[in-house]
Amino acid sequence: LTIENNSSRQMTVKVMQGYGGKGVLHETVTIGAYGSNTVYFSQSGYYFTKTKAVLTGRDPIYRKGNPFEVTNDDTGYSVMTLTFSIKESAIPQATGGKSISKQEFDQN
């Protein structure tokens, strides 16, 4: 899974295993502004992301992404890209998923 940060914010992305609820932490990656990072999977299943986007002088943005399915078995494997975008304005607009609290983001 390639995660692209299409914003001027630094992002911390937690990839969680599970379909919903709290999930179990698979991996945490930090991605600089306009950067990208790759997460690898050894197990098939459902995963979702929890993201914190930080920019000095602005409030952090916390988001939870929709579940996605990963295949990694004898039939093949998934190749995916997630792109996060934030439009900075008086009230920053983040694309995709739903807004979550800092407390929910902090839970592993």
Protein backbone atom coordinates (compact mmCIF):
# COMPACT_ATOMS: atom_id res chain seq x y z
CA LEU A 1 0.00 0.00 0.00
CA THR A 2 1.53 3.30 -1.06
CA ILE A 3 0.26 6.23 1.00
CA GLU A 4 0.65 9.65 -0.62
CA ASN A 5 0.42 12.89 1.32
CA ASN A 6 -0.86 15.53 -1.09
CA SER A 7 -0.81 18.35 1.49
CA SER A 8 1.53 20.74 3.29
CA ARG A 9 0.91 18.92 6.59
CA GLN A 10 2.99 16.19 8.21
CA MET A 11 0.89 13.06 8.56
CA THR A 12 1.01 10.19 10.99
CA VAL A 13 -0.94 7.28 9.54
CA LYS A 14 -1.89 4.23 11.59
CA VAL A 15 -2.83 1.23 9.47
CA MET A 16 -5.26 -0.84 11.55
CA GLN A 17 -6.27 -4.45 10.90
CA GLY A 18 -10.01 -5.06 11.16
CA TYR A 19 -13.21 -4.10 9.42
CA GLY A 20 -14.32 -1.44 11.88
CA GLY A 21 -14.46 -0.68 15.54
CA LYS A 22 -11.08 -0.21 17.15
CA GLY A 23 -9.04 -2.64 15.06
CA VAL A 24 -5.52 -3.83 15.87
CA LEU A 25 -2.46 -1.74 14.98
CA HIS A 26 -0.63 -3.15 11.93
CA GLU A 27 1.89 -0.32 11.36
CA THR A 28 2.41 3.39 11.97
CA VAL A 29 4.13 5.58 9.36
CA THR A 30 5.03 9.27 9.32
CA ILE A 31 4.90 11.06 5.99
CA GLY A 32 6.27 14.56 5.39
CA ALA A 33 4.49 17.20 3.33
CA TYR A 34 3.98 16.06 -0.28
CA GLY A 35 5.77 12.78 0.51
CA SER A 36 4.84 9.13 0.37
CA ASN A 37 5.53 5.89 2.22
CA THR A 38 4.83 2.21 1.57
CA VAL A 39 3.24 -0.27 3.97
CA TYR A 40 3.58 -4.01 3.36
CA PHE A 41 1.14 -6.75 4.36
CA SER A 42 1.83 -10.43 5.03
CA GLN A 43 -1.82 -11.31 5.77
CA SER A 44 -4.98 -11.01 3.72
CA GLY A 45 -7.87 -9.26 5.43
CA TYR A 46 -9.59 -5.95 6.03
CA TYR A 47 -7.69 -2.87 7.13
CA PHE A 48 -8.43 0.83 7.67
CA THR A 49 -6.41 3.96 8.43
CA LYS A 50 -6.42 6.52 11.20
CA THR A 51 -4.63 9.74 10.28
CA LYS A 52 -3.33 12.78 12.15
CA ALA A 53 -2.34 15.73 9.94
CA VAL A 54 -0.28 18.47 11.63
CA LEU A 55 0.69 21.94 10.44
CA THR A 56 2.39 24.48 12.72
CA GLY A 57 -0.05 27.16 13.82
CA ARG A 58 -3.13 25.11 12.85
CA ASP A 59 -5.26 22.58 14.72
CA PRO A 60 -4.44 18.94 13.91
CA ILE A 61 -6.93 17.07 11.72
CA TYR A 62 -7.89 13.52 12.73
CA ARG A 63 -9.60 11.15 10.25
CA LYS A 64 -10.63 7.50 10.09
CA GLY A 65 -10.70 5.92 6.64
CA ASN A 66 -13.14 3.41 5.21
CA PRO A 67 -12.16 -0.28 5.38
CA PHE A 68 -10.28 -1.77 2.42
CA GLU A 69 -9.50 -5.38 1.60
CA VAL A 70 -5.95 -6.70 1.16
CA THR A 71 -5.13 -9.96 -0.64
CA ASN A 72 -1.80 -11.67 -0.06
CA ASP A 73 -2.02 -15.40 -0.79
CA ASP A 74 -1.40 -18.00 -3.49
CA THR A 75 -3.88 -16.23 -5.81
CA GLY A 76 -1.83 -13.02 -5.80
CA TYR A 77 -1.52 -9.80 -3.85
CA SER A 78 -3.04 -6.33 -3.73
CA VAL A 79 -1.28 -3.22 -5.03
CA MET A 80 -2.99 -0.05 -3.80
CA THR A 81 -2.45 3.68 -3.41
CA LEU A 82 -4.18 5.95 -0.90
CA THR A 83 -3.85 9.69 -1.46
CA PHE A 84 -4.65 12.14 1.33
CA SER A 85 -5.45 15.74 0.38
CA ILE A 86 -6.25 18.73 2.58
CA LYS A 87 -7.45 22.06 1.26
CA GLU A 88 -6.24 24.74 3.68
CA SER A 89 -8.75 27.49 4.43
CA ALA A 90 -10.35 29.09 7.48
CA ILE A 91 -11.73 25.60 8.18
CA PRO A 92 -9.40 23.05 6.53
CA GLN A 93 -11.18 20.45 4.38
CA ALA A 94 -9.84 16.88 4.44
CA THR A 95 -10.94 14.35 1.84
CA GLY A 96 -12.26 10.87 2.55
CA GLY A 97 -13.29 9.05 5.70
CA LYS A 98 -14.81 10.60 8.78
CA SER A 99 -13.57 12.98 11.45
CA ILE A 100 -12.43 11.35 14.71
CA SER A 101 -11.20 12.64 18.08
CA LYS A 102 -7.58 12.73 19.25
CA GLN A 103 -8.55 10.07 21.81
CA GLU A 104 -9.80 7.71 19.09
CA PHE A 105 -6.65 8.30 17.02
CA ASP A 106 -4.42 7.58 20.04
CA GLN A 107 -6.05 4.19 20.67
CA ASN A 108 -4.14 1.23 19.23
